[in-house]
Amino acid sequence: MASLETLMSTQNFVRRSRPLIALAAGASLLMVAGCASSGGAEPSGSTTPAGGNETMDQSIHDLLPEDVRSSGVVTIGVTPEDSPFLSKVDGEYVGIIPELMDEVSAVMGVEFKLEELPFPGLIPAIQAGKIDYAWTSMFDTVEREEVLDFSSYAAANFGLLVQKGNPKDINFLEDLCGTVASTTKGTVMATALEEQKAKCAAEGKPDMQISLYDSQSAAHVQLKAGQVDSFLGTATPLTYLAENAEGGAVFEMAEGSYPAGYLAVGSSKTEKGFAEAMTAALLAIEKDGAYAAVFDKYSAANDVLPTDLIVVNGRTSGVLK
């Protein structure tokens, strides 16, 4: 996993639940999909929450560490290249995660300050005390729960993204033998590719090469150029990308889809209260319907978790199987 010195240039801003705060000028992180010109599929205006009626819950606010309650600010690391979960359009963060953030920040009674980091830098940033939460499409695993606390917020599957027309006829993981597969560094998908590479060798099939990237967008550029043959990632964002990148003319989803697990918000194990406050806030917005409404807005209802699966450290506790 990359050190903090490898982090990309960071843009900070304070997200308030009402109203939307404009970002400082600076270079945006661009997906190959070109979110700002994707034909209107990605909401490009206000990120007003779907529920919009959240008020501070004092009991949830009191779960946060004392210094955070005093400052009224929580710092969150994000990787904005994962539509419809999180992207940047015309200088504004949009998607499922920003809208959930608006709801959660209102319930917590704090402001969210977002810092852009590459995915491999999120966990080190929490460990170094640079950020309070990592909120992106990060899978909750037993290994990650050994170093961070996690608050589950969505279900997720793996999917394979390929070039339009699927020239290498890749539909399932076993089809990756003899090809160049790609994904992002430090992810559970990288582990899955290593396991498949070993299977190819054990079965006497052609060698599988793996290319790992600091960002999804970097991998997508290489896939578009034909330098890699596939990208393994979270199915909902990849489906969105396939449908919207250059009008759907660049990529397509392979046939195979694999139950992968649960996405979760990571926080420090040493700073107690962050995970408990996040989970309590998610349960609060689930109870009033705002949680499901956000997912419905982005056609991601299949990713909604039932109440009993919105938990702290669900992997090591055995709640998340």
C-alpha atoms as a PDB file:
ATOM      1  CA  MET A   1       0.000   0.000   0.000  1.00  0.00           C
ATOM      2  CA  ALA A   2       1.362   3.378  -0.959  1.00  0.00           C
ATOM      3  CA  SER A   3       2.844   5.753   1.598  1.00  0.00           C
ATOM      4  CA  LEU A   4       1.379   9.169   2.290  1.00  0.00           C
ATOM      5  CA  GLU A   5       4.142  10.733   0.207  1.00  0.00           C
ATOM      6  CA  THR A   6       2.570   9.206  -2.911  1.00  0.00           C
ATOM      7  CA  LEU A   7      -0.767  10.929  -2.397  1.00  0.00           C
ATOM      8  CA  MET A   8      -2.110  12.982  -5.247  1.00  0.00           C
ATOM      9  CA  SER A   9      -2.642  16.699  -4.934  1.00  0.00           C
ATOM     10  CA  THR A  10      -5.368  17.168  -2.356  1.00  0.00           C
ATOM     11  CA  GLN A  11      -8.360  19.469  -2.573  1.00  0.00           C
ATOM     12  CA  ASN A  12     -10.172  20.247   0.645  1.00  0.00           C
ATOM     13  CA  PHE A  13     -13.586  21.666   1.202  1.00  0.00           C
ATOM     14  CA  VAL A  14     -16.181  21.693   3.898  1.00  0.00           C
ATOM     15  CA  ARG A  15     -19.441  19.935   3.062  1.00  0.00           C
ATOM     16  CA  ARG A  16     -22.380  21.293   4.994  1.00  0.00           C
ATOM     17  CA  SER A  17     -25.716  19.581   4.963  1.00  0.00           C
ATOM     18  CA  ARG A  18     -27.358  22.828   3.791  1.00  0.00           C
ATOM     19  CA  PRO A  19     -26.421  24.553   1.511  1.00  0.00           C
ATOM     20  CA  LEU A  20     -23.955  23.144  -1.020  1.00  0.00           C
ATOM     21  CA  ILE A  21     -20.502  24.695  -0.673  1.00  0.00           C
ATOM     22  CA  ALA A  22     -18.569  25.559  -3.815  1.00  0.00           C
ATOM     23  CA  LEU A  23     -15.103  24.066  -4.225  1.00  0.00           C
ATOM     24  CA  ALA A  24     -11.901  26.022  -4.481  1.00  0.00           C
ATOM     25  CA  ALA A  25     -10.506  26.264  -7.992  1.00  0.00           C
ATOM     26  CA  GLY A  26      -8.135  23.481  -8.978  1.00  0.00           C
ATOM     27  CA  ALA A  27      -7.591  20.585 -11.319  1.00  0.00           C
ATOM     28  CA  SER A  28     -10.389  17.998 -11.196  1.00  0.00           C
ATOM     29  CA  LEU A  29      -9.833  14.272 -11.233  1.00  0.00           C
ATOM     30  CA  LEU A  30     -11.332  13.079 -14.510  1.00  0.00           C
ATOM     31  CA  MET A  31     -12.713   9.656 -15.275  1.00  0.00           C
ATOM     32  CA  VAL A  32     -12.345   8.328 -18.780  1.00  0.00           C
ATOM     33  CA  ALA A  33     -16.132   8.405 -18.835  1.00  0.00           C
ATOM     34  CA  GLY A  34     -16.037  12.200 -18.882  1.00  0.00           C
ATOM     35  CA  CYS A  35     -18.682  12.671 -16.196  1.00  0.00           C
ATOM     36  CA  ALA A  36     -19.404  16.270 -17.112  1.00  0.00           C
ATOM     37  CA  SER A  37     -20.406  15.245 -20.606  1.00  0.00           C
ATOM     38  CA  SER A  38     -22.030  11.866 -20.112  1.00  0.00           C
ATOM     39  CA  GLY A  39     -25.339  12.861 -21.580  1.00  0.00           C
ATOM     40  CA  GLY A  40     -27.018  13.801 -18.331  1.00  0.00           C
ATOM     41  CA  ALA A  41     -27.051  10.372 -16.714  1.00  0.00           C
ATOM     42  CA  GLU A  42     -25.076  11.700 -13.751  1.00  0.00           C
ATOM     43  CA  PRO A  43     -26.897  14.396 -11.769  1.00  0.00           C
ATOM     44  CA  SER A  44     -24.888  17.567 -12.293  1.00  0.00           C
ATOM     45  CA  GLY A  45     -26.586  20.093 -10.073  1.00  0.00           C
ATOM     46  CA  SER A  46     -27.230  20.349  -6.364  1.00  0.00           C
ATOM     47  CA  THR A  47     -26.453  17.419  -4.128  1.00  0.00           C
ATOM     48  CA  THR A  48     -29.457  18.135  -1.900  1.00  0.00           C
ATOM     49  CA  PRO A  49     -30.157  14.899  -0.003  1.00  0.00           C
ATOM     50  CA  ALA A  50     -33.029  12.673  -1.051  1.00  0.00           C
ATOM     51  CA  GLY A  51     -34.523  12.848   2.426  1.00  0.00           C
ATOM     52  CA  GLY A  52     -33.617  16.438   3.189  1.00  0.00           C
ATOM     53  CA  ASN A  53     -35.223  16.552   6.623  1.00  0.00           C
ATOM     54  CA  GLU A  54     -32.453  15.283   8.867  1.00  0.00           C
ATOM     55  CA  THR A  55     -31.770  17.026  12.163  1.00  0.00           C
ATOM     56  CA  MET A  56     -28.979  16.454  14.644  1.00  0.00           C
ATOM     57  CA  ASP A  57     -29.362  13.491  16.957  1.00  0.00           C
ATOM     58  CA  GLN A  58     -27.626  14.488  20.193  1.00  0.00           C
ATOM     59  CA  SER A  59     -27.009  10.887  21.232  1.00  0.00           C
ATOM     60  CA  ILE A  60     -25.218  10.199  17.937  1.00  0.00           C
ATOM     61  CA  HIS A  61     -23.275  13.464  18.130  1.00  0.00           C
ATOM     62  CA  ASP A  62     -22.096  12.495  21.616  1.00  0.00           C
ATOM     63  CA  LEU A  63     -20.563   9.262  20.278  1.00  0.00           C
ATOM     64  CA  LEU A  64     -17.925  11.244  18.379  1.00  0.00           C
ATOM     65  CA  PRO A  65     -14.537  11.924  20.016  1.00  0.00           C
ATOM     66  CA  GLU A  66     -14.494  15.020  22.216  1.00  0.00           C
ATOM     67  CA  ASP A  67     -12.084  16.981  19.993  1.00  0.00           C
ATOM     68  CA  VAL A  68     -14.363  16.438  16.992  1.00  0.00           C
ATOM     69  CA  ARG A  69     -17.409  17.557  18.946  1.00  0.00           C
ATOM     70  CA  SER A  70     -15.491  20.712  19.895  1.00  0.00           C
ATOM     71  CA  SER A  71     -14.304  21.515  16.363  1.00  0.00           C
ATOM     72  CA  GLY A  72     -17.547  20.492  14.682  1.00  0.00           C
ATOM     73  CA  VAL A  73     -15.575  19.153  11.708  1.00  0.00           C
ATOM     74  CA  VAL A  74     -14.946  15.600  10.515  1.00  0.00           C
ATOM     75  CA  THR A  75     -12.308  14.946   7.839  1.00  0.00           C
ATOM     76  CA  ILE A  76     -13.121  12.301   5.248  1.00  0.00           C
ATOM     77  CA  GLY A  77     -10.807  10.817   2.623  1.00  0.00           C
ATOM     78  CA  VAL A  78     -12.435  10.211  -0.750  1.00  0.00           C
ATOM     79  CA  THR A  79     -11.438   8.923  -4.182  1.00  0.00           C
ATOM     80  CA  PRO A  80     -13.789  10.679  -6.631  1.00  0.00           C
ATOM     81  CA  GLU A  81     -13.680   8.435  -9.670  1.00  0.00           C
ATOM     82  CA  ASP A  82     -16.382   5.881  -9.020  1.00  0.00           C
ATOM     83  CA  SER A  83     -19.745   6.937 -10.483  1.00  0.00           C
ATOM     84  CA  PRO A  84     -22.463   6.542  -9.398  1.00  0.00           C
ATOM     85  CA  PHE A  85     -20.955   6.250  -5.907  1.00  0.00           C
ATOM     86  CA  LEU A  86     -18.677   9.270  -6.053  1.00  0.00           C
ATOM     87  CA  SER A  87     -17.387  11.553  -8.784  1.00  0.00           C
ATOM     88  CA  LYS A  88     -16.678  15.195  -9.414  1.00  0.00           C
ATOM     89  CA  VAL A  89     -18.734  17.104 -11.954  1.00  0.00           C
ATOM     90  CA  ASP A  90     -17.994  20.754 -12.687  1.00  0.00           C
ATOM     91  CA  GLY A  91     -16.119  21.046  -9.390  1.00  0.00           C
ATOM     92  CA  GLU A  92     -18.857  19.460  -7.278  1.00  0.00           C
ATOM     93  CA  TYR A  93     -18.922  16.035  -5.657  1.00  0.00           C
ATOM     94  CA  VAL A  94     -21.945  14.053  -6.774  1.00  0.00           C
ATOM     95  CA  GLY A  95     -23.292  10.552  -6.334  1.00  0.00           C
ATOM     96  CA  ILE A  96     -24.504   8.116  -3.716  1.00  0.00           C
ATOM     97  CA  ILE A  97     -21.719   8.804  -1.219  1.00  0.00           C
ATOM     98  CA  PRO A  98     -21.986  12.626  -1.223  1.00  0.00           C
ATOM     99  CA  GLU A  99     -25.740  12.435  -0.766  1.00  0.00           C
ATOM    100  CA  LEU A 100     -25.399   9.935   2.070  1.00  0.00           C
ATOM    101  CA  MET A 101     -22.778  12.269   3.551  1.00  0.00           C
ATOM    102  CA  ASP A 102     -25.231  15.159   3.530  1.00  0.00           C
ATOM    103  CA  GLU A 103     -27.742  13.077   5.446  1.00  0.00           C
ATOM    104  CA  VAL A 104     -25.202  11.618   7.871  1.00  0.00           C
ATOM    105  CA  SER A 105     -23.482  14.944   8.614  1.00  0.00           C
ATOM    106  CA  ALA A 106     -26.843  16.471   9.498  1.00  0.00           C
ATOM    107  CA  VAL A 107     -27.620  13.621  11.914  1.00  0.00           C
ATOM    108  CA  MET A 108     -24.148  13.825  13.464  1.00  0.00           C
ATOM    109  CA  GLY A 109     -24.352  17.607  13.779  1.00  0.00           C
ATOM    110  CA  VAL A 110     -20.904  18.174  12.224  1.00  0.00           C
ATOM    111  CA  GLU A 111     -19.469  19.411   8.938  1.00  0.00           C
ATOM    112  CA  PHE A 112     -17.650  17.037   6.604  1.00  0.00           C
ATOM    113  CA  LYS A 113     -14.333  18.216   5.186  1.00  0.00           C
ATOM    114  CA  LEU A 114     -13.343  16.096   2.185  1.00  0.00           C
ATOM    115  CA  GLU A 115      -9.782  15.337   1.108  1.00  0.00           C
ATOM    116  CA  GLU A 116      -9.029  13.659  -2.205  1.00  0.00           C
ATOM    117  CA  LEU A 117      -6.635  10.729  -1.928  1.00  0.00           C
ATOM    118  CA  PRO A 118      -5.768   7.808  -4.209  1.00  0.00           C
ATOM    119  CA  PHE A 119      -7.345   4.589  -2.982  1.00  0.00           C
ATOM    120  CA  PRO A 120      -4.061   3.003  -1.763  1.00  0.00           C
ATOM    121  CA  GLY A 121      -3.441   6.037   0.477  1.00  0.00           C
ATOM    122  CA  LEU A 122      -6.726   5.965   2.393  1.00  0.00           C
ATOM    123  CA  ILE A 123      -5.870   3.439   5.106  1.00  0.00           C
ATOM    124  CA  PRO A 124      -2.379   4.911   5.761  1.00  0.00           C
ATOM    125  CA  ALA A 125      -3.968   8.372   6.011  1.00  0.00           C
ATOM    126  CA  ILE A 126      -6.322   7.176   8.774  1.00  0.00           C
ATOM    127  CA  GLN A 127      -3.490   5.421  10.585  1.00  0.00           C
ATOM    128  CA  ALA A 128      -1.419   8.612  10.418  1.00  0.00           C
ATOM    129  CA  GLY A 129      -4.301  10.691  11.806  1.00  0.00           C
ATOM    130  CA  LYS A 130      -4.618  12.750   8.603  1.00  0.00           C
ATOM    131  CA  ILE A 131      -8.281  11.873   8.095  1.00  0.00           C
ATOM    132  CA  ASP A 132     -11.071  10.576  10.348  1.00  0.00           C
ATOM    133  CA  TYR A 133     -12.928   8.403   7.840  1.00  0.00           C
ATOM    134  CA  ALA A 134     -12.302   6.785   4.461  1.00  0.00           C
ATOM    135  CA  TRP A 135     -15.559   6.755   2.518  1.00  0.00           C
ATOM    136  CA  THR A 136     -15.348   5.246  -0.918  1.00  0.00           C
ATOM    137  CA  SER A 137     -16.063   1.902  -2.590  1.00  0.00           C
ATOM    138  CA  MET A 138     -13.886   0.066  -0.056  1.00  0.00           C
ATOM    139  CA  PHE A 139     -14.728  -3.523   0.789  1.00  0.00           C
ATOM    140  CA  ASP A 140     -14.914  -4.629   4.396  1.00  0.00           C
ATOM    141  CA  THR A 141     -12.584  -7.589   4.948  1.00  0.00           C
ATOM    142  CA  VAL A 142     -11.335  -9.467   7.999  1.00  0.00           C
ATOM    143  CA  GLU A 143      -7.798  -8.284   7.227  1.00  0.00           C
ATOM    144  CA  ARG A 144      -8.836  -4.633   7.028  1.00  0.00           C
ATOM    145  CA  GLU A 145     -10.801  -4.912  10.258  1.00  0.00           C
ATOM    146  CA  GLU A 146      -7.510  -5.790  11.939  1.00  0.00           C
ATOM    147  CA  VAL A 147      -6.228  -2.250  11.277  1.00  0.00           C
ATOM    148  CA  LEU A 148      -9.413  -0.126  11.022  1.00  0.00           C
ATOM    149  CA  ASP A 149     -12.982  -0.156  12.292  1.00  0.00           C
ATOM    150  CA  PHE A 150     -15.603  -0.423   9.567  1.00  0.00           C
ATOM    151  CA  SER A 151     -19.227   0.688   9.246  1.00  0.00           C
ATOM    152  CA  SER A 152     -20.983  -1.236   6.471  1.00  0.00           C
ATOM    153  CA  TYR A 153     -23.160   0.862   4.164  1.00  0.00           C
ATOM    154  CA  ALA A 154     -23.760  -1.080   0.912  1.00  0.00           C
ATOM    155  CA  ALA A 155     -23.681  -4.498  -0.700  1.00  0.00           C
ATOM    156  CA  ALA A 156     -21.497  -5.006  -3.761  1.00  0.00           C
ATOM    157  CA  ASN A 157     -20.533  -7.510  -6.455  1.00  0.00           C
ATOM    158  CA  PHE A 158     -17.420  -7.864  -8.605  1.00  0.00           C
ATOM    159  CA  GLY A 159     -17.699  -7.330 -12.338  1.00  0.00           C
ATOM    160  CA  LEU A 160     -15.342  -7.433 -15.316  1.00  0.00           C
ATOM    161  CA  LEU A 161     -15.112  -4.442 -17.642  1.00  0.00           C
ATOM    162  CA  VAL A 162     -13.838  -5.114 -21.176  1.00  0.00           C
ATOM    163  CA  GLN A 163     -13.514  -3.213 -24.436  1.00  0.00           C
ATOM    164  CA  LYS A 164     -16.649  -2.744 -26.517  1.00  0.00           C
ATOM    165  CA  GLY A 165     -17.235  -5.876 -28.558  1.00  0.00           C
ATOM    166  CA  ASN A 166     -15.276  -7.978 -26.035  1.00  0.00           C
ATOM    167  CA  PRO A 167     -12.433  -8.800 -28.477  1.00  0.00           C
ATOM    168  CA  LYS A 168     -10.785 -11.328 -26.121  1.00  0.00           C
ATOM    169  CA  ASP A 169     -14.114 -13.068 -25.351  1.00  0.00           C
ATOM    170  CA  ILE A 170     -13.728 -12.555 -21.597  1.00  0.00           C
ATOM    171  CA  ASN A 171     -16.840 -13.328 -19.591  1.00  0.00           C
ATOM    172  CA  PHE A 172     -15.682 -15.057 -16.421  1.00  0.00           C
ATOM    173  CA  LEU A 173     -12.587 -15.031 -14.222  1.00  0.00           C
ATOM    174  CA  GLU A 174     -11.383 -18.297 -15.744  1.00  0.00           C
ATOM    175  CA  ASP A 175     -11.293 -16.567 -19.136  1.00  0.00           C
ATOM    176  CA  LEU A 176      -8.496 -14.316 -17.874  1.00  0.00           C
ATOM    177  CA  CYS A 177      -5.824 -16.977 -18.425  1.00  0.00           C
ATOM    178  CA  GLY A 178      -3.560 -15.820 -21.251  1.00  0.00           C
ATOM    179  CA  THR A 179      -4.728 -12.203 -20.989  1.00  0.00           C
ATOM    180  CA  VAL A 180      -3.645  -9.013 -19.236  1.00  0.00           C
ATOM    181  CA  ALA A 181      -6.042  -8.224 -16.373  1.00  0.00           C
ATOM    182  CA  SER A 182      -6.054  -5.008 -14.377  1.00  0.00           C
ATOM    183  CA  THR A 183      -7.414  -3.460 -11.212  1.00  0.00           C
ATOM    184  CA  THR A 184      -6.520  -0.913  -8.535  1.00  0.00           C
ATOM    185  CA  LYS A 185      -3.644  -1.377  -6.080  1.00  0.00           C
ATOM    186  CA  GLY A 186      -4.473  -2.371  -2.537  1.00  0.00           C
ATOM    187  CA  THR A 187      -7.949  -3.717  -3.313  1.00  0.00           C
ATOM    188  CA  VAL A 188      -9.669  -7.039  -2.705  1.00  0.00           C
ATOM    189  CA  MET A 189      -9.910  -7.246  -6.498  1.00  0.00           C
ATOM    190  CA  ALA A 190      -6.101  -7.369  -6.697  1.00  0.00           C
ATOM    191  CA  THR A 191      -6.173 -10.372  -4.366  1.00  0.00           C
ATOM    192  CA  ALA A 192      -8.854 -12.027  -6.514  1.00  0.00           C
ATOM    193  CA  LEU A 193      -6.706 -11.582  -9.627  1.00  0.00           C
ATOM    194  CA  GLU A 194      -3.674 -13.102  -7.895  1.00  0.00           C
ATOM    195  CA  GLU A 195      -5.788 -16.105  -6.917  1.00  0.00           C
ATOM    196  CA  GLN A 196      -7.003 -16.508 -10.502  1.00  0.00           C
ATOM    197  CA  LYS A 197      -3.443 -16.227 -11.824  1.00  0.00           C
ATOM    198  CA  ALA A 198      -2.443 -19.098  -9.527  1.00  0.00           C
ATOM    199  CA  LYS A 199      -5.397 -21.163 -10.785  1.00  0.00           C
ATOM    200  CA  CYS A 200      -4.337 -20.600 -14.389  1.00  0.00           C
ATOM    201  CA  ALA A 201      -0.872 -21.921 -13.572  1.00  0.00           C
ATOM    202  CA  ALA A 202      -2.177 -24.873 -11.557  1.00  0.00           C
ATOM    203  CA  GLU A 203      -4.441 -25.907 -14.427  1.00  0.00           C
ATOM    204  CA  GLY A 204      -1.665 -25.637 -16.995  1.00  0.00           C
ATOM    205  CA  LYS A 205      -3.356 -22.789 -18.823  1.00  0.00           C
ATOM    206  CA  PRO A 206      -1.594 -19.808 -20.450  1.00  0.00           C
ATOM    207  CA  ASP A 207      -0.038 -17.346 -18.015  1.00  0.00           C
ATOM    208  CA  MET A 208      -2.180 -14.459 -16.836  1.00  0.00           C
ATOM    209  CA  GLN A 209      -0.561 -11.050 -16.436  1.00  0.00           C
ATOM    210  CA  ILE A 210      -1.763  -8.514 -13.872  1.00  0.00           C
ATOM    211  CA  SER A 211      -1.397  -4.739 -14.139  1.00  0.00           C
ATOM    212  CA  LEU A 212      -2.141  -2.719 -10.995  1.00  0.00           C
ATOM    213  CA  TYR A 213      -2.848   1.025 -10.961  1.00  0.00           C
ATOM    214  CA  ASP A 214      -3.068   3.765  -8.350  1.00  0.00           C
ATOM    215  CA  SER A 215      -6.473   4.810  -9.698  1.00  0.00           C
ATOM    216  CA  GLN A 216      -9.366   3.272 -11.578  1.00  0.00           C
ATOM    217  CA  SER A 217      -9.282   6.008 -14.180  1.00  0.00           C
ATOM    218  CA  ALA A 218      -5.652   5.197 -15.038  1.00  0.00           C
ATOM    219  CA  ALA A 219      -6.603   1.563 -15.594  1.00  0.00           C
ATOM    220  CA  HIS A 220      -9.636   2.518 -17.664  1.00  0.00           C
ATOM    221  CA  VAL A 221      -7.446   4.618 -19.966  1.00  0.00           C
ATOM    222  CA  GLN A 222      -5.183   1.602 -20.528  1.00  0.00           C
ATOM    223  CA  LEU A 223      -8.187  -0.649 -21.159  1.00  0.00           C
ATOM    224  CA  LYS A 224      -9.555   1.772 -23.723  1.00  0.00           C
ATOM    225  CA  ALA A 225      -6.143   1.828 -25.442  1.00  0.00           C
ATOM    226  CA  GLY A 226      -5.942  -1.974 -25.505  1.00  0.00           C
ATOM    227  CA  GLN A 227      -2.904  -2.128 -23.212  1.00  0.00           C
ATOM    228  CA  VAL A 228      -4.874  -4.343 -20.814  1.00  0.00           C
ATOM    229  CA  ASP A 229      -7.720  -6.704 -21.656  1.00  0.00           C
ATOM    230  CA  SER A 230     -10.007  -6.284 -18.646  1.00  0.00           C
ATOM    231  CA  PHE A 231     -10.594  -4.424 -15.406  1.00  0.00           C
ATOM    232  CA  LEU A 232     -11.980  -6.123 -12.298  1.00  0.00           C
ATOM    233  CA  GLY A 233     -13.962  -3.809 -10.036  1.00  0.00           C
ATOM    234  CA  THR A 234     -17.245  -3.127  -8.280  1.00  0.00           C
ATOM    235  CA  ALA A 235     -20.123  -4.006 -10.600  1.00  0.00           C
ATOM    236  CA  THR A 236     -22.432  -1.006 -10.089  1.00  0.00           C
ATOM    237  CA  PRO A 237     -19.835   1.677 -10.978  1.00  0.00           C
ATOM    238  CA  LEU A 238     -18.466  -0.393 -13.875  1.00  0.00           C
ATOM    239  CA  THR A 239     -21.958  -0.857 -15.306  1.00  0.00           C
ATOM    240  CA  TYR A 240     -22.456   2.903 -15.080  1.00  0.00           C
ATOM    241  CA  LEU A 241     -19.136   3.491 -16.834  1.00  0.00           C
ATOM    242  CA  ALA A 242     -19.908   1.024 -19.618  1.00  0.00           C
ATOM    243  CA  GLU A 243     -23.251   2.686 -20.274  1.00  0.00           C
ATOM    244  CA  ASN A 244     -21.979   6.258 -20.216  1.00  0.00           C
ATOM    245  CA  ALA A 245     -18.346   6.455 -21.373  1.00  0.00           C
ATOM    246  CA  GLU A 246     -18.514   8.197 -24.764  1.00  0.00           C
ATOM    247  CA  GLY A 247     -22.169   7.321 -25.082  1.00  0.00           C
ATOM    248  CA  GLY A 248     -21.597   3.649 -24.331  1.00  0.00           C
ATOM    249  CA  ALA A 249     -19.226   3.164 -27.267  1.00  0.00           C
ATOM    250  CA  VAL A 250     -16.039   2.313 -25.341  1.00  0.00           C
ATOM    251  CA  PHE A 251     -16.659  -0.458 -22.801  1.00  0.00           C
ATOM    252  CA  GLU A 252     -19.048  -3.249 -21.956  1.00  0.00           C
ATOM    253  CA  MET A 253     -19.600  -5.504 -18.980  1.00  0.00           C
ATOM    254  CA  ALA A 254     -18.589  -9.145 -19.216  1.00  0.00           C
ATOM    255  CA  GLU A 255     -21.256 -11.717 -18.463  1.00  0.00           C
ATOM    256  CA  GLY A 256     -19.901 -12.884 -15.116  1.00  0.00           C
ATOM    257  CA  SER A 257     -20.808 -11.234 -11.821  1.00  0.00           C
ATOM    258  CA  TYR A 258     -19.529 -12.414  -8.466  1.00  0.00           C
ATOM    259  CA  PRO A 259     -20.916 -11.784  -4.976  1.00  0.00           C
ATOM    260  CA  ALA A 260     -18.107  -9.806  -3.408  1.00  0.00           C
ATOM    261  CA  GLY A 261     -19.252  -8.570  -0.033  1.00  0.00           C
ATOM    262  CA  TYR A 262     -19.935  -5.236   1.580  1.00  0.00           C
ATOM    263  CA  LEU A 263     -18.720  -1.674   1.167  1.00  0.00           C
ATOM    264  CA  ALA A 264     -17.897   0.118   4.395  1.00  0.00           C
ATOM    265  CA  VAL A 265     -16.691   3.403   5.836  1.00  0.00           C
ATOM    266  CA  GLY A 266     -13.304   2.964   7.521  1.00  0.00           C
ATOM    267  CA  SER A 267     -12.193   4.759  10.691  1.00  0.00           C
ATOM    268  CA  SER A 268      -9.448   4.598  13.308  1.00  0.00           C
ATOM    269  CA  LYS A 269      -9.291   1.807  15.852  1.00  0.00           C
ATOM    270  CA  THR A 270      -7.527   4.062  18.337  1.00  0.00           C
ATOM    271  CA  GLU A 271      -9.951   7.009  18.115  1.00  0.00           C
ATOM    272  CA  LYS A 272     -13.039   5.418  19.599  1.00  0.00           C
ATOM    273  CA  GLY A 273     -16.502   6.585  18.646  1.00  0.00           C
ATOM    274  CA  PHE A 274     -16.118   7.205  14.909  1.00  0.00           C
ATOM    275  CA  ALA A 275     -17.398   3.820  13.764  1.00  0.00           C
ATOM    276  CA  GLU A 276     -20.224   3.779  16.313  1.00  0.00           C
ATOM    277  CA  ALA A 277     -21.354   7.277  15.331  1.00  0.00           C
ATOM    278  CA  MET A 278     -21.247   6.464  11.603  1.00  0.00           C
ATOM    279  CA  THR A 279     -23.244   3.267  12.008  1.00  0.00           C
ATOM    280  CA  ALA A 280     -25.810   4.942  14.245  1.00  0.00           C
ATOM    281  CA  ALA A 281     -26.238   7.774  11.735  1.00  0.00           C
ATOM    282  CA  LEU A 282     -26.650   5.330   8.832  1.00  0.00           C
ATOM    283  CA  LEU A 283     -29.294   3.443  10.806  1.00  0.00           C
ATOM    284  CA  ALA A 284     -31.060   6.730  11.563  1.00  0.00           C
ATOM    285  CA  ILE A 285     -31.323   7.706   7.901  1.00  0.00           C
ATOM    286  CA  GLU A 286     -32.332   4.143   7.015  1.00  0.00           C
ATOM    287  CA  LYS A 287     -35.200   4.355   9.480  1.00  0.00           C
ATOM    288  CA  ASP A 288     -36.673   7.503   7.920  1.00  0.00           C
ATOM    289  CA  GLY A 289     -36.258   6.287   4.331  1.00  0.00           C
ATOM    290  CA  ALA A 290     -33.525   8.678   3.210  1.00  0.00           C
ATOM    291  CA  TYR A 291     -30.910   5.920   2.894  1.00  0.00           C
ATOM    292  CA  ALA A 292     -32.881   3.800   0.422  1.00  0.00           C
ATOM    293  CA  ALA A 293     -34.063   6.893  -1.447  1.00  0.00           C
ATOM    294  CA  VAL A 294     -30.480   7.865  -2.282  1.00  0.00           C
ATOM    295  CA  PHE A 295     -29.715   4.428  -3.750  1.00  0.00           C
ATOM    296  CA  ASP A 296     -33.003   4.423  -5.648  1.00  0.00           C
ATOM    297  CA  LYS A 297     -32.155   7.804  -7.181  1.00  0.00           C
ATOM    298  CA  TYR A 298     -29.025   6.302  -8.726  1.00  0.00           C
ATOM    299  CA  SER A 299     -30.658   3.016  -9.831  1.00  0.00           C
ATOM    300  CA  ALA A 300     -28.638   1.098  -7.242  1.00  0.00           C
ATOM    301  CA  ALA A 301     -31.424  -0.417  -5.146  1.00  0.00           C
ATOM    302  CA  ASN A 302     -29.686  -3.815  -5.262  1.00  0.00           C
ATOM    303  CA  ASP A 303     -26.858  -2.350  -3.188  1.00  0.00           C
ATOM    304  CA  VAL A 304     -29.101  -1.364  -0.251  1.00  0.00           C
ATOM    305  CA  LEU A 305     -28.347  -3.171   3.005  1.00  0.00           C
ATOM    306  CA  PRO A 306     -31.080  -4.325   5.392  1.00  0.00           C
ATOM    307  CA  THR A 307     -30.907  -2.832   8.878  1.00  0.00           C
ATOM    308  CA  ASP A 308     -29.356  -5.915  10.461  1.00  0.00           C
ATOM    309  CA  LEU A 309     -26.360  -5.679   8.120  1.00  0.00           C
ATOM    310  CA  ILE A 310     -25.537  -2.025   8.843  1.00  0.00           C
ATOM    311  CA  VAL A 311     -23.070  -2.816  11.608  1.00  0.00           C
ATOM    312  CA  VAL A 312     -19.610  -2.115  13.020  1.00  0.00           C
ATOM    313  CA  ASN A 313     -16.938  -4.651  12.036  1.00  0.00           C
ATOM    314  CA  GLY A 314     -19.404  -7.095  10.583  1.00  0.00           C
ATOM    315  CA  ARG A 315     -16.735  -9.407   9.205  1.00  0.00           C
ATOM    316  CA  THR A 316     -14.919 -10.228  12.425  1.00  0.00           C
ATOM    317  CA  SER A 317     -18.196 -10.314  14.373  1.00  0.00           C
ATOM    318  CA  GLY A 318     -19.642 -12.791  11.895  1.00  0.00           C
ATOM    319  CA  VAL A 319     -22.681 -10.672  11.034  1.00  0.00           C
ATOM    320  CA  LEU A 320     -21.434 -10.172   7.464  1.00  0.00           C
ATOM    321  CA  LYS A 321     -20.826 -13.605   5.958  1.00  0.00           C
END
